[in-house]
N, C-alpha and C. Protein backbone atom coordinates (compact mmCIF):
# COMPACT_ATOMS: atom_id res chain seq x y z
N UNK A 1 0.84 -1.18 0.00
CA UNK A 1 0.00 0.00 0.00
C UNK A 1 0.89 1.24 0.00
N UNK A 2 0.67 2.13 -0.89
CA UNK A 2 1.45 3.36 -0.99
C UNK A 2 0.94 4.38 0.02
N UNK A 3 1.84 5.12 0.61
CA UNK A 3 1.47 6.18 1.54
C UNK A 3 1.32 7.47 0.75
N UNK A 4 0.22 8.14 0.96
CA UNK A 4 -0.04 9.39 0.25
C UNK A 4 0.15 10.54 1.23
N UNK A 5 1.33 11.11 1.25
CA UNK A 5 1.61 12.17 2.22
C UNK A 5 1.09 13.51 1.74
N UNK A 6 0.32 14.14 2.59
CA UNK A 6 -0.09 15.50 2.36
C UNK A 6 -1.16 15.72 1.32
N UNK A 7 -1.66 14.68 0.69
CA UNK A 7 -2.64 14.89 -0.39
C UNK A 7 -3.93 15.50 0.12
N UNK A 8 -4.40 15.08 1.26
CA UNK A 8 -5.68 15.57 1.78
C UNK A 8 -5.61 17.03 2.18
N UNK A 9 -4.47 17.47 2.70
CA UNK A 9 -4.36 18.84 3.20
C UNK A 9 -3.78 19.81 2.18
N UNK A 10 -3.20 19.28 1.11
CA UNK A 10 -2.50 20.13 0.17
C UNK A 10 -1.08 20.42 0.61
N UNK A 11 -0.71 19.95 1.78
CA UNK A 11 0.65 20.13 2.32
C UNK A 11 1.49 18.92 1.92
N UNK A 12 2.76 19.14 1.71
CA UNK A 12 3.63 18.04 1.35
C UNK A 12 4.59 17.73 2.50
N UNK A 13 4.42 16.57 3.08
CA UNK A 13 5.38 16.06 4.06
C UNK A 13 6.39 15.26 3.25
N UNK A 14 7.65 15.66 3.30
CA UNK A 14 8.67 14.99 2.51
C UNK A 14 9.08 13.66 3.12
N UNK A 15 9.29 13.65 4.45
CA UNK A 15 9.74 12.42 5.10
C UNK A 15 9.83 12.62 6.60
N UNK A 16 9.96 11.52 7.31
CA UNK A 16 10.34 11.57 8.70
C UNK A 16 11.82 11.90 8.73
N UNK A 17 12.22 12.95 9.46
CA UNK A 17 13.61 13.38 9.45
C UNK A 17 14.37 12.83 10.66
N UNK A 18 13.76 12.89 11.86
CA UNK A 18 14.41 12.29 13.02
C UNK A 18 13.40 11.98 14.11
N UNK A 19 13.85 11.16 15.04
CA UNK A 19 13.12 10.87 16.26
C UNK A 19 14.06 11.23 17.41
N UNK A 20 13.54 11.92 18.40
CA UNK A 20 14.35 12.39 19.52
C UNK A 20 13.82 11.78 20.81
N UNK A 21 14.73 11.22 21.62
CA UNK A 21 14.32 10.51 22.82
C UNK A 21 15.29 10.80 23.97
N UNK A 22 14.79 10.85 25.20
CA UNK A 22 15.68 11.12 26.33
C UNK A 22 16.48 9.90 26.76
N UNK A 23 17.60 10.17 27.44
CA UNK A 23 18.35 9.13 28.13
C UNK A 23 18.64 9.65 29.54
N UNK A 24 18.79 8.75 30.50
CA UNK A 24 19.09 9.23 31.85
C UNK A 24 20.43 9.96 31.87
N UNK A 25 20.47 11.14 32.48
CA UNK A 25 21.70 11.91 32.51
C UNK A 25 22.82 11.07 33.12
N UNK A 26 24.01 11.31 32.68
CA UNK A 26 25.24 10.61 33.07
C UNK A 26 25.38 9.24 32.42
N UNK A 27 24.47 8.88 31.50
CA UNK A 27 24.58 7.57 30.84
C UNK A 27 24.82 7.72 29.35
N UNK A 28 25.44 8.83 28.96
CA UNK A 28 25.76 9.11 27.56
C UNK A 28 26.61 7.99 26.96
N UNK A 29 27.53 7.44 27.72
CA UNK A 29 28.39 6.36 27.21
C UNK A 29 27.57 5.14 26.82
N UNK A 30 26.51 4.86 27.55
CA UNK A 30 25.66 3.71 27.21
C UNK A 30 24.86 3.96 25.93
N UNK A 31 24.49 5.21 25.70
CA UNK A 31 23.81 5.55 24.44
C UNK A 31 24.75 5.22 23.28
N UNK A 32 25.99 5.67 23.39
CA UNK A 32 26.99 5.43 22.34
C UNK A 32 27.29 3.94 22.19
N UNK A 33 27.40 3.23 23.30
CA UNK A 33 27.70 1.80 23.23
C UNK A 33 26.58 1.03 22.53
N UNK A 34 25.32 1.29 22.94
CA UNK A 34 24.21 0.53 22.36
C UNK A 34 23.98 0.88 20.89
N UNK A 35 23.77 2.18 20.61
CA UNK A 35 23.41 2.57 19.24
C UNK A 35 24.61 2.59 18.30
N UNK A 36 25.78 2.98 18.80
CA UNK A 36 26.97 3.03 17.96
C UNK A 36 27.68 1.70 17.87
N UNK A 37 28.13 1.17 19.00
CA UNK A 37 28.92 -0.05 19.00
C UNK A 37 28.09 -1.30 18.67
N UNK A 38 26.95 -1.47 19.36
CA UNK A 38 26.18 -2.70 19.17
C UNK A 38 25.31 -2.69 17.91
N UNK A 39 24.62 -1.57 17.66
CA UNK A 39 23.75 -1.51 16.47
C UNK A 39 24.49 -1.03 15.23
N UNK A 40 25.66 -0.45 15.40
CA UNK A 40 26.48 -0.04 14.25
C UNK A 40 26.09 1.26 13.59
N UNK A 41 25.31 2.09 14.29
CA UNK A 41 24.96 3.39 13.70
C UNK A 41 26.15 4.33 13.79
N UNK A 42 26.24 5.24 12.84
CA UNK A 42 27.34 6.19 12.78
C UNK A 42 26.94 7.45 13.53
N UNK A 43 27.75 7.84 14.52
CA UNK A 43 27.47 9.05 15.27
C UNK A 43 27.77 10.27 14.41
N UNK A 44 26.91 11.27 14.52
CA UNK A 44 27.11 12.53 13.81
C UNK A 44 27.14 13.67 14.83
N UNK A 45 27.79 14.74 14.48
CA UNK A 45 27.95 15.88 15.39
C UNK A 45 26.73 16.80 15.27
N UNK A 46 26.06 17.08 16.39
CA UNK A 46 24.92 18.01 16.35
C UNK A 46 25.37 19.43 15.97
N UNK A 47 24.44 20.30 15.59
CA UNK A 47 24.78 21.69 15.26
C UNK A 47 25.40 22.40 16.45
N UNK A 48 26.28 23.35 16.17
CA UNK A 48 26.94 24.13 17.22
C UNK A 48 25.94 24.83 18.14
N UNK A 49 24.81 25.27 17.60
CA UNK A 49 23.83 25.99 18.40
C UNK A 49 23.20 25.11 19.48
N UNK A 50 23.36 23.79 19.36
CA UNK A 50 22.81 22.86 20.35
C UNK A 50 23.89 22.14 21.15
N UNK A 51 25.15 22.54 20.98
CA UNK A 51 26.28 21.83 21.59
C UNK A 51 26.20 21.76 23.11
N UNK A 52 25.61 22.75 23.74
CA UNK A 52 25.55 22.81 25.20
C UNK A 52 24.58 21.79 25.81
N UNK A 53 23.82 21.09 25.00
CA UNK A 53 22.77 20.20 25.51
C UNK A 53 23.19 18.74 25.72
N UNK A 54 24.43 18.39 25.49
CA UNK A 54 24.91 17.01 25.67
C UNK A 54 24.14 16.01 24.81
N UNK A 55 23.86 16.40 23.59
CA UNK A 55 23.12 15.55 22.66
C UNK A 55 24.04 14.49 22.06
N UNK A 56 23.44 13.37 21.71
CA UNK A 56 24.14 12.32 20.96
C UNK A 56 23.25 12.00 19.77
N UNK A 57 23.77 12.20 18.56
CA UNK A 57 23.00 11.97 17.34
C UNK A 57 23.64 10.87 16.52
N UNK A 58 22.79 10.11 15.82
CA UNK A 58 23.25 9.05 14.93
C UNK A 58 22.54 9.14 13.59
N UNK A 59 23.25 8.79 12.55
CA UNK A 59 22.65 8.60 11.24
C UNK A 59 21.95 7.25 11.28
N UNK A 60 20.74 7.19 10.76
CA UNK A 60 19.96 5.95 10.88
C UNK A 60 19.33 5.51 9.57
N UNK A 61 19.98 5.78 8.47
CA UNK A 61 19.42 5.32 7.21
C UNK A 61 19.90 6.11 6.02
N UNK A 62 19.64 5.58 4.84
CA UNK A 62 20.16 6.20 3.62
C UNK A 62 19.51 7.54 3.27
N UNK A 63 18.35 7.85 3.80
CA UNK A 63 17.69 9.10 3.45
C UNK A 63 17.92 10.17 4.52
N UNK A 64 19.07 10.12 5.17
CA UNK A 64 19.43 11.08 6.22
C UNK A 64 18.48 11.04 7.42
N UNK A 65 17.86 9.89 7.65
CA UNK A 65 17.06 9.71 8.86
C UNK A 65 18.02 9.69 10.04
N UNK A 66 17.64 10.35 11.14
CA UNK A 66 18.52 10.46 12.29
C UNK A 66 17.79 10.06 13.57
N UNK A 67 18.58 9.58 14.54
CA UNK A 67 18.11 9.37 15.90
C UNK A 67 18.84 10.37 16.77
N UNK A 68 18.09 11.11 17.60
CA UNK A 68 18.66 12.11 18.48
C UNK A 68 18.37 11.71 19.92
N UNK A 69 19.38 11.80 20.77
CA UNK A 69 19.20 11.49 22.18
C UNK A 69 19.64 12.68 23.01
N UNK A 70 18.87 13.00 24.07
CA UNK A 70 19.18 14.12 24.94
C UNK A 70 19.03 13.68 26.39
N UNK A 71 19.86 14.26 27.29
CA UNK A 71 19.72 13.91 28.71
C UNK A 71 18.39 14.43 29.24
N UNK A 72 17.74 13.62 30.03
CA UNK A 72 16.39 13.95 30.48
C UNK A 72 16.31 15.12 31.45
N UNK A 73 17.43 15.68 31.90
CA UNK A 73 17.36 16.80 32.83
C UNK A 73 17.77 18.12 32.19
N UNK A 74 18.20 18.11 30.94
CA UNK A 74 18.73 19.33 30.31
C UNK A 74 17.68 20.42 30.19
N UNK A 75 16.54 20.12 29.66
CA UNK A 75 15.52 21.11 29.40
C UNK A 75 14.16 20.45 29.55
N UNK A 76 13.42 20.75 30.63
CA UNK A 76 12.15 20.05 30.85
C UNK A 76 11.13 20.27 29.74
N UNK A 77 11.27 21.37 28.98
CA UNK A 77 10.33 21.61 27.88
C UNK A 77 10.71 20.86 26.61
N UNK A 78 11.94 20.35 26.56
CA UNK A 78 12.40 19.61 25.39
C UNK A 78 12.07 18.14 25.64
N UNK A 79 11.00 17.68 25.06
CA UNK A 79 10.53 16.32 25.30
C UNK A 79 10.79 15.46 24.09
N UNK A 80 10.61 14.17 24.28
CA UNK A 80 10.74 13.27 23.12
C UNK A 80 9.79 13.75 22.04
N UNK A 81 10.23 13.63 20.81
CA UNK A 81 9.41 14.11 19.70
C UNK A 81 9.84 13.44 18.40
N UNK A 82 9.03 13.62 17.40
CA UNK A 82 9.40 13.24 16.05
C UNK A 82 9.49 14.49 15.22
N UNK A 83 10.26 14.42 14.15
CA UNK A 83 10.44 15.59 13.28
C UNK A 83 10.08 15.21 11.85
N UNK A 84 9.25 16.01 11.24
CA UNK A 84 8.87 15.81 9.84
C UNK A 84 9.45 16.94 9.00
N UNK A 85 10.05 16.57 7.89
CA UNK A 85 10.51 17.57 6.93
C UNK A 85 9.35 17.88 6.00
N UNK A 86 9.08 19.17 5.82
CA UNK A 86 7.94 19.60 5.01
C UNK A 86 8.40 20.51 3.87
N UNK A 87 7.58 20.62 2.85
CA UNK A 87 7.93 21.42 1.68
C UNK A 87 7.73 22.91 1.93
N UNK A 88 6.64 23.31 2.61
CA UNK A 88 6.34 24.72 2.82
C UNK A 88 6.05 24.94 4.29
N UNK A 89 7.09 25.24 5.04
CA UNK A 89 7.01 25.35 6.49
C UNK A 89 6.03 26.43 6.94
N UNK A 90 6.12 27.61 6.37
CA UNK A 90 5.27 28.72 6.82
C UNK A 90 3.80 28.48 6.47
N UNK A 91 3.53 27.87 5.33
CA UNK A 91 2.14 27.56 4.99
C UNK A 91 1.55 26.55 5.98
N UNK A 92 2.36 25.57 6.37
CA UNK A 92 1.88 24.58 7.33
C UNK A 92 1.68 25.22 8.70
N UNK A 93 2.57 26.12 9.08
CA UNK A 93 2.41 26.82 10.35
C UNK A 93 1.10 27.60 10.38
N UNK A 94 0.82 28.33 9.30
CA UNK A 94 -0.43 29.09 9.22
C UNK A 94 -1.64 28.16 9.32
N UNK A 95 -1.58 27.05 8.62
CA UNK A 95 -2.69 26.08 8.63
C UNK A 95 -2.94 25.54 10.04
N UNK A 96 -1.87 25.17 10.73
CA UNK A 96 -2.02 24.65 12.10
C UNK A 96 -2.63 25.71 13.02
N UNK A 97 -2.11 26.93 12.93
CA UNK A 97 -2.61 28.01 13.78
C UNK A 97 -4.06 28.34 13.46
N UNK A 98 -4.44 28.30 12.17
CA UNK A 98 -5.83 28.55 11.78
C UNK A 98 -6.77 27.50 12.37
N UNK A 99 -6.23 26.32 12.64
CA UNK A 99 -7.03 25.24 13.22
C UNK A 99 -6.86 25.15 14.74
N UNK A 100 -6.29 26.19 15.35
CA UNK A 100 -6.22 26.28 16.79
C UNK A 100 -5.03 25.64 17.47
N UNK A 101 -4.03 25.22 16.72
CA UNK A 101 -2.83 24.63 17.31
C UNK A 101 -1.77 25.70 17.53
N UNK A 102 -1.26 25.76 18.76
CA UNK A 102 -0.18 26.70 19.07
C UNK A 102 1.11 26.18 18.48
N UNK A 103 1.89 27.08 17.92
CA UNK A 103 3.20 26.73 17.39
C UNK A 103 4.25 27.48 18.20
N UNK A 104 5.40 26.83 18.40
CA UNK A 104 6.46 27.40 19.22
C UNK A 104 7.76 27.39 18.44
N UNK A 105 8.47 28.50 18.47
CA UNK A 105 9.79 28.54 17.84
C UNK A 105 10.74 27.69 18.65
N UNK A 106 11.70 27.09 17.97
CA UNK A 106 12.72 26.26 18.62
C UNK A 106 14.08 26.93 18.45
N UNK A 107 15.06 26.46 19.20
CA UNK A 107 16.43 26.98 19.07
C UNK A 107 16.82 26.93 17.60
N UNK A 108 17.30 28.04 17.04
CA UNK A 108 17.67 28.05 15.63
C UNK A 108 18.80 27.08 15.31
N UNK A 109 18.69 26.45 14.15
CA UNK A 109 19.73 25.60 13.60
C UNK A 109 20.01 26.13 12.20
N UNK A 110 21.27 26.38 11.85
CA UNK A 110 21.57 26.91 10.51
C UNK A 110 20.97 26.03 9.40
N UNK A 111 20.36 26.67 8.44
CA UNK A 111 19.75 26.02 7.27
C UNK A 111 18.59 25.09 7.60
N UNK A 112 18.02 25.22 8.81
CA UNK A 112 16.92 24.35 9.22
C UNK A 112 15.84 25.17 9.92
N UNK A 113 15.11 26.02 9.21
CA UNK A 113 14.01 26.71 9.87
C UNK A 113 13.06 25.66 10.44
N UNK A 114 12.55 25.92 11.64
CA UNK A 114 11.72 24.90 12.28
C UNK A 114 10.84 25.50 13.35
N UNK A 115 9.80 24.76 13.71
CA UNK A 115 8.96 25.10 14.84
C UNK A 115 8.39 23.81 15.41
N UNK A 116 7.81 23.92 16.59
CA UNK A 116 7.23 22.78 17.28
C UNK A 116 5.74 23.02 17.47
N UNK A 117 5.00 21.94 17.61
CA UNK A 117 3.61 22.02 18.03
C UNK A 117 3.26 20.69 18.70
N UNK A 118 2.13 20.67 19.36
CA UNK A 118 1.66 19.43 19.99
C UNK A 118 0.45 18.94 19.21
N UNK A 119 0.42 17.62 19.03
CA UNK A 119 -0.75 17.03 18.36
C UNK A 119 -1.92 17.00 19.36
N UNK A 120 -3.10 16.54 18.95
CA UNK A 120 -4.26 16.57 19.87
C UNK A 120 -4.06 15.74 21.13
N UNK A 121 -3.05 14.89 21.17
CA UNK A 121 -2.83 13.99 22.30
C UNK A 121 -1.67 14.42 23.17
N UNK A 122 -1.06 15.58 22.85
CA UNK A 122 0.03 16.11 23.64
C UNK A 122 1.42 15.71 23.17
N UNK A 123 1.52 14.94 22.09
CA UNK A 123 2.82 14.55 21.56
C UNK A 123 3.47 15.74 20.88
N UNK A 124 4.78 15.90 21.10
CA UNK A 124 5.51 17.01 20.51
C UNK A 124 5.96 16.64 19.09
N UNK A 125 5.69 17.52 18.15
CA UNK A 125 6.05 17.33 16.75
C UNK A 125 6.88 18.54 16.32
N UNK A 126 8.04 18.25 15.75
CA UNK A 126 8.87 19.30 15.16
C UNK A 126 8.64 19.27 13.66
N UNK A 127 8.52 20.45 13.06
CA UNK A 127 8.36 20.56 11.62
C UNK A 127 9.48 21.45 11.10
N UNK A 128 10.12 21.01 10.01
CA UNK A 128 11.29 21.71 9.51
C UNK A 128 11.34 21.66 8.00
N UNK A 129 12.13 22.53 7.43
CA UNK A 129 12.52 22.48 6.02
C UNK A 129 14.04 22.46 6.01
N UNK A 130 14.63 21.60 5.22
CA UNK A 130 16.08 21.49 5.17
C UNK A 130 16.59 22.21 3.93
N UNK A 131 17.32 23.30 4.18
CA UNK A 131 17.83 24.14 3.10
C UNK A 131 19.31 23.92 2.82
N UNK A 132 19.92 23.00 3.51
CA UNK A 132 21.35 22.73 3.35
C UNK A 132 21.91 22.14 4.63
N UNK A 133 23.20 21.89 4.64
CA UNK A 133 23.82 21.31 5.84
C UNK A 133 23.84 22.31 6.99
N UNK A 134 23.73 21.81 8.21
CA UNK A 134 23.75 22.70 9.37
C UNK A 134 25.17 22.96 9.86
N UNK A 135 26.14 22.22 9.37
CA UNK A 135 27.53 22.42 9.78
C UNK A 135 28.28 23.07 8.64
N UNK A 136 29.14 24.02 8.98
CA UNK A 136 29.99 24.65 7.97
C UNK A 136 31.09 23.68 7.61
N UNK A 137 31.36 23.58 6.33
CA UNK A 137 32.46 22.73 5.87
C UNK A 137 33.77 23.44 6.13
N UNK A 138 34.68 22.74 6.76
CA UNK A 138 36.00 23.33 7.04
C UNK A 138 36.94 22.94 5.91
N UNK A 139 37.63 23.89 5.36
CA UNK A 139 38.46 23.57 4.22
C UNK A 139 39.70 24.38 4.08
């Protein structure tokens, strides 16, 4: 069965971009051991704007799917969430707000305009558009 993303709303969801989940603080080494050493995922460096959060990120597939892990005490408002890459971020933001959903700006990431909202059940959803790499190439 083919998935028809965004056809009903006129919005285009390009793909699931990442899933973000907490880990108990001080157990960062176990995150790396399980996902990196045991599962064989390749660790990637988070954006500089988020460096202070003790994040551990991994590449999780050929379409730049990522797994993000954060210590559960860093920011109580930063909860586990999923992130969807969308074609027209501002149009989707307007649509959500017109339907009564509050949208919240998130810490800026270079080339990744984004915002957060909660679904009807309280789950946190990040929506973004990817305009290029978030890390500057050193050369």
